Amino acid sequence: MTRQQKRKLERENKRSPISYTVTKNQLSELVTKEIQDLIKKQRQDIMTLTTDSVIASFVMCLHDKFGFGESRIKKLLGAVNTQFECILDGHVDLDDITLWVKEKFDIDLMLTSDNNSRGILNEKKEEDASDNRNIPPEHEGLSDNANKTEVAAKKIADINS
């Protein structure tokens, strides 16, 4: 092939747009997969945020209400992390743990919508109701839950560093 023929071929290739043929089924599969990937990422983000919020709340309560210091909180977080790893590795099931808590302490941790039970979240005692007005000094001036969660997250970050 001569140089002139190569140039002609290159010009023709530049002019003709590349086209792809995709069937409805292929397009549907591509869109479905993309949507499933987005949903999976959103679920993971929500689970991470929820877990971080719960841990931050527990750390804050352990410190403010029960006097836990840095070393005890670090030990607790290490133990909780080990428990999470056991759940993820399949050594223990979350249902087994919630059943153990129910049998040992008579506290239902399962948050189910079928029986309108929200576990310990609905178990408000009279002493808790009066305690809600007792705001620790370091939380004064916080106007919403987002700020409180942010403060708790900072406390955990400080503890972990």
C-alpha atoms as a PDB file:
ATOM      1  CA  MET A   1       0.000   0.000   0.000  1.00  0.00           C
ATOM      2  CA  THR A   2       1.431   3.315  -1.014  1.00  0.00           C
ATOM      3  CA  ARG A   3       1.601   6.421   1.119  1.00  0.00           C
ATOM      4  CA  GLN A   4      -1.138   8.047  -0.936  1.00  0.00           C
ATOM      5  CA  GLN A   5      -3.449   5.079  -0.379  1.00  0.00           C
ATOM      6  CA  LYS A   6      -2.763   5.121   3.367  1.00  0.00           C
ATOM      7  CA  ARG A   7      -3.664   8.813   3.582  1.00  0.00           C
ATOM      8  CA  LYS A   8      -6.851   8.248   1.624  1.00  0.00           C
ATOM      9  CA  LEU A   9      -7.818   5.418   3.961  1.00  0.00           C
ATOM     10  CA  GLU A  10      -7.106   7.588   7.021  1.00  0.00           C
ATOM     11  CA  ARG A  11      -9.289  10.397   5.635  1.00  0.00           C
ATOM     12  CA  GLU A  12     -12.136   7.986   5.026  1.00  0.00           C
ATOM     13  CA  ASN A  13     -11.841   6.624   8.560  1.00  0.00           C
ATOM     14  CA  LYS A  14     -11.976  10.145  10.007  1.00  0.00           C
ATOM     15  CA  ARG A  15     -15.100  11.003   8.043  1.00  0.00           C
ATOM     16  CA  SER A  16     -17.121   7.917   8.820  1.00  0.00           C
ATOM     17  CA  PRO A  17     -18.418   7.945  12.391  1.00  0.00           C
ATOM     18  CA  ILE A  18     -18.033   4.812  14.411  1.00  0.00           C
ATOM     19  CA  SER A  19     -21.369   3.269  15.154  1.00  0.00           C
ATOM     20  CA  TYR A  20     -22.323   0.666  17.675  1.00  0.00           C
ATOM     21  CA  THR A  21     -25.289  -1.583  17.509  1.00  0.00           C
ATOM     22  CA  VAL A  22     -26.895  -2.301  20.847  1.00  0.00           C
ATOM     23  CA  THR A  23     -30.022  -4.363  21.194  1.00  0.00           C
ATOM     24  CA  LYS A  24     -32.796  -3.449  23.605  1.00  0.00           C
ATOM     25  CA  ASN A  25     -31.845  -6.383  25.830  1.00  0.00           C
ATOM     26  CA  GLN A  26     -28.190  -5.333  25.929  1.00  0.00           C
ATOM     27  CA  LEU A  27     -29.143  -1.741  26.716  1.00  0.00           C
ATOM     28  CA  SER A  28     -31.544  -2.908  29.398  1.00  0.00           C
ATOM     29  CA  GLU A  29     -28.823  -5.081  30.961  1.00  0.00           C
ATOM     30  CA  LEU A  30     -26.330  -2.207  30.916  1.00  0.00           C
ATOM     31  CA  VAL A  31     -28.783   0.209  32.532  1.00  0.00           C
ATOM     32  CA  THR A  32     -29.890  -2.371  35.108  1.00  0.00           C
ATOM     33  CA  LYS A  33     -26.287  -3.131  36.059  1.00  0.00           C
ATOM     34  CA  GLU A  34     -25.465   0.570  36.386  1.00  0.00           C
ATOM     35  CA  ILE A  35     -28.519   1.173  38.571  1.00  0.00           C
ATOM     36  CA  GLN A  36     -27.685  -1.837  40.750  1.00  0.00           C
ATOM     37  CA  ASP A  37     -24.126  -0.554  41.192  1.00  0.00           C
ATOM     38  CA  LEU A  38     -25.449   2.878  42.228  1.00  0.00           C
ATOM     39  CA  ILE A  39     -27.910   1.315  44.689  1.00  0.00           C
ATOM     40  CA  LYS A  40     -25.153  -0.851  46.152  1.00  0.00           C
ATOM     41  CA  LYS A  41     -22.918   2.198  46.656  1.00  0.00           C
ATOM     42  CA  GLN A  42     -25.773   4.191  48.239  1.00  0.00           C
ATOM     43  CA  ARG A  43     -26.549   1.311  50.620  1.00  0.00           C
ATOM     44  CA  GLN A  44     -22.892   1.087  51.609  1.00  0.00           C
ATOM     45  CA  ASP A  45     -22.747   4.845  52.217  1.00  0.00           C
ATOM     46  CA  ILE A  46     -25.915   4.726  54.331  1.00  0.00           C
ATOM     47  CA  MET A  47     -24.646   1.756  56.329  1.00  0.00           C
ATOM     48  CA  THR A  48     -21.329   3.508  56.968  1.00  0.00           C
ATOM     49  CA  LEU A  49     -23.044   6.712  58.070  1.00  0.00           C
ATOM     50  CA  THR A  50     -25.442   4.797  60.315  1.00  0.00           C
ATOM     51  CA  THR A  51     -22.676   2.742  61.908  1.00  0.00           C
ATOM     52  CA  ASP A  52     -20.530   5.817  62.477  1.00  0.00           C
ATOM     53  CA  SER A  53     -23.482   7.674  64.013  1.00  0.00           C
ATOM     54  CA  VAL A  54     -24.345   4.816  66.368  1.00  0.00           C
ATOM     55  CA  ILE A  55     -20.742   4.361  67.476  1.00  0.00           C
ATOM     56  CA  ALA A  56     -20.296   8.103  67.964  1.00  0.00           C
ATOM     57  CA  SER A  57     -23.484   8.246  70.051  1.00  0.00           C
ATOM     58  CA  PHE A  58     -22.372   5.340  72.223  1.00  0.00           C
ATOM     59  CA  VAL A  59     -18.925   6.838  72.753  1.00  0.00           C
ATOM     60  CA  MET A  60     -20.416  10.183  73.700  1.00  0.00           C
ATOM     61  CA  CYS A  61     -22.867   8.575  76.167  1.00  0.00           C
ATOM     62  CA  LEU A  62     -20.183   6.361  77.671  1.00  0.00           C
ATOM     63  CA  HIS A  63     -18.018   9.401  78.273  1.00  0.00           C
ATOM     64  CA  ASP A  64     -20.678  11.883  79.374  1.00  0.00           C
ATOM     65  CA  LYS A  65     -22.977   9.617  81.387  1.00  0.00           C
ATOM     66  CA  PHE A  66     -20.685   6.857  82.661  1.00  0.00           C
ATOM     67  CA  GLY A  67     -17.306   8.539  82.901  1.00  0.00           C
ATOM     68  CA  PHE A  68     -15.456   6.400  80.373  1.00  0.00           C
ATOM     69  CA  GLY A  69     -12.041   7.819  79.578  1.00  0.00           C
ATOM     70  CA  GLU A  70      -9.820   7.468  76.554  1.00  0.00           C
ATOM     71  CA  SER A  71      -8.306   4.076  77.417  1.00  0.00           C
ATOM     72  CA  ARG A  72     -11.623   2.403  78.292  1.00  0.00           C
ATOM     73  CA  ILE A  73     -13.268   3.754  75.144  1.00  0.00           C
ATOM     74  CA  LYS A  74     -10.348   2.544  73.011  1.00  0.00           C
ATOM     75  CA  LYS A  75     -10.610  -0.918  74.585  1.00  0.00           C
ATOM     76  CA  LEU A  76     -14.346  -0.951  73.951  1.00  0.00           C
ATOM     77  CA  LEU A  77     -13.933   0.150  70.321  1.00  0.00           C
ATOM     78  CA  GLY A  78     -11.311  -2.564  69.822  1.00  0.00           C
ATOM     79  CA  ALA A  79     -13.670  -5.193  71.214  1.00  0.00           C
ATOM     80  CA  VAL A  80     -16.554  -3.913  69.091  1.00  0.00           C
ATOM     81  CA  ASN A  81     -14.330  -3.950  66.010  1.00  0.00           C
ATOM     82  CA  THR A  82     -13.407  -7.568  66.744  1.00  0.00           C
ATOM     83  CA  GLN A  83     -17.101  -8.413  67.087  1.00  0.00           C
ATOM     84  CA  PHE A  84     -17.848  -6.735  63.731  1.00  0.00           C
ATOM     85  CA  GLU A  85     -15.051  -8.751  62.121  1.00  0.00           C
ATOM     86  CA  CYS A  86     -16.535 -11.967  63.548  1.00  0.00           C
ATOM     87  CA  ILE A  87     -19.908 -11.057  62.041  1.00  0.00           C
ATOM     88  CA  LEU A  88     -18.391 -10.201  58.652  1.00  0.00           C
ATOM     89  CA  ASP A  89     -16.283 -13.377  58.635  1.00  0.00           C
ATOM     90  CA  GLY A  90     -19.378 -15.463  59.359  1.00  0.00           C
ATOM     91  CA  HIS A  91     -18.229 -16.790  62.733  1.00  0.00           C
ATOM     92  CA  VAL A  92     -21.307 -15.390  64.413  1.00  0.00           C
ATOM     93  CA  ASP A  93     -24.621 -14.184  63.067  1.00  0.00           C
ATOM     94  CA  LEU A  94     -26.250 -10.870  63.969  1.00  0.00           C
ATOM     95  CA  ASP A  95     -29.456 -12.733  64.801  1.00  0.00           C
ATOM     96  CA  ASP A  96     -27.514 -14.843  67.324  1.00  0.00           C
ATOM     97  CA  ILE A  97     -26.169 -11.732  69.016  1.00  0.00           C
ATOM     98  CA  THR A  98     -29.564 -10.009  69.202  1.00  0.00           C
ATOM     99  CA  LEU A  99     -31.104 -13.221  70.570  1.00  0.00           C
ATOM    100  CA  TRP A 100     -28.352 -13.416  73.217  1.00  0.00           C
ATOM    101  CA  VAL A 101     -29.013  -9.790  74.237  1.00  0.00           C
ATOM    102  CA  LYS A 102     -32.760 -10.499  74.409  1.00  0.00           C
ATOM    103  CA  GLU A 103     -32.245 -13.598  76.588  1.00  0.00           C
ATOM    104  CA  LYS A 104     -29.533 -12.095  78.803  1.00  0.00           C
ATOM    105  CA  PHE A 105     -30.935  -8.579  79.346  1.00  0.00           C
ATOM    106  CA  ASP A 106     -34.517  -8.758  78.044  1.00  0.00           C
ATOM    107  CA  ILE A 107     -33.743  -6.015  75.496  1.00  0.00           C
ATOM    108  CA  ASP A 108     -35.058  -6.380  71.955  1.00  0.00           C
ATOM    109  CA  LEU A 109     -32.518  -4.875  69.546  1.00  0.00           C
ATOM    110  CA  MET A 110     -34.294  -5.880  66.344  1.00  0.00           C
ATOM    111  CA  LEU A 111     -35.752  -2.894  64.514  1.00  0.00           C
ATOM    112  CA  THR A 112     -38.697  -4.413  62.690  1.00  0.00           C
ATOM    113  CA  SER A 113     -41.539  -2.679  60.912  1.00  0.00           C
ATOM    114  CA  ASP A 114     -43.901  -5.662  60.857  1.00  0.00           C
ATOM    115  CA  ASN A 115     -44.852  -5.337  64.514  1.00  0.00           C
ATOM    116  CA  ASN A 116     -44.163  -1.611  64.893  1.00  0.00           C
ATOM    117  CA  SER A 117     -41.491  -2.450  67.452  1.00  0.00           C
ATOM    118  CA  ARG A 118     -38.377  -0.263  67.422  1.00  0.00           C
ATOM    119  CA  GLY A 119     -36.520  -2.196  70.124  1.00  0.00           C
ATOM    120  CA  ILE A 120     -34.687  -0.119  72.700  1.00  0.00           C
ATOM    121  CA  LEU A 121     -35.387   3.079  70.787  1.00  0.00           C
ATOM    122  CA  ASN A 122     -38.995   3.077  72.016  1.00  0.00           C
ATOM    123  CA  GLU A 123     -38.195   2.035  75.562  1.00  0.00           C
ATOM    124  CA  LYS A 124     -38.273   5.458  77.239  1.00  0.00           C
ATOM    125  CA  LYS A 125     -38.249   5.431  81.004  1.00  0.00           C
ATOM    126  CA  GLU A 126     -39.375   8.279  83.200  1.00  0.00           C
ATOM    127  CA  GLU A 127     -35.805   8.896  84.341  1.00  0.00           C
ATOM    128  CA  ASP A 128     -34.702   9.277  80.708  1.00  0.00           C
ATOM    129  CA  ALA A 129     -37.453  11.801  80.012  1.00  0.00           C
ATOM    130  CA  SER A 130     -36.293  14.100  82.788  1.00  0.00           C
ATOM    131  CA  ASP A 131     -32.638  13.535  81.835  1.00  0.00           C
ATOM    132  CA  ASN A 132     -33.171  14.976  78.342  1.00  0.00           C
ATOM    133  CA  ARG A 133     -32.940  18.519  79.728  1.00  0.00           C
ATOM    134  CA  ASN A 134     -29.524  17.810  81.233  1.00  0.00           C
ATOM    135  CA  ILE A 135     -27.280  18.989  78.405  1.00  0.00           C
ATOM    136  CA  PRO A 136     -23.543  18.529  79.018  1.00  0.00           C
ATOM    137  CA  PRO A 137     -21.570  21.814  78.850  1.00  0.00           C
ATOM    138  CA  GLU A 138     -19.586  20.708  75.799  1.00  0.00           C
ATOM    139  CA  HIS A 139     -22.872  20.248  73.889  1.00  0.00           C
ATOM    140  CA  GLU A 140     -24.351  23.611  74.800  1.00  0.00           C
ATOM    141  CA  GLY A 141     -25.200  25.728  71.787  1.00  0.00           C
ATOM    142  CA  LEU A 142     -25.500  22.832  69.378  1.00  0.00           C
ATOM    143  CA  SER A 143     -28.673  23.533  67.482  1.00  0.00           C
ATOM    144  CA  ASP A 144     -29.339  20.286  65.630  1.00  0.00           C
ATOM    145  CA  ASN A 145     -28.508  16.591  65.527  1.00  0.00           C
ATOM    146  CA  ALA A 146     -26.071  17.041  62.647  1.00  0.00           C
ATOM    147  CA  ASN A 147     -23.868  19.263  64.779  1.00  0.00           C
ATOM    148  CA  LYS A 148     -24.047  16.803  67.672  1.00  0.00           C
ATOM    149  CA  THR A 149     -23.081  13.924  65.369  1.00  0.00           C
ATOM    150  CA  GLU A 150     -20.222  15.983  63.972  1.00  0.00           C
ATOM    151  CA  VAL A 151     -18.910  16.665  67.490  1.00  0.00           C
ATOM    152  CA  ALA A 152     -19.179  12.968  68.334  1.00  0.00           C
ATOM    153  CA  ALA A 153     -17.373  11.993  65.133  1.00  0.00           C
ATOM    154  CA  LYS A 154     -14.579  14.441  65.999  1.00  0.00           C
ATOM    155  CA  LYS A 155     -14.296  12.874  69.456  1.00  0.00           C
ATOM    156  CA  ILE A 156     -13.932   9.416  67.891  1.00  0.00           C
ATOM    157  CA  ALA A 157     -11.361  10.721  65.428  1.00  0.00           C
ATOM    158  CA  ASP A 158      -9.410  12.263  68.306  1.00  0.00           C
ATOM    159  CA  ILE A 159      -9.568   8.995  70.230  1.00  0.00           C
ATOM    160  CA  ASN A 160      -8.400   6.934  67.250  1.00  0.00           C
ATOM    161  CA  SER A 161      -5.470   9.242  66.475  1.00  0.00           C
END
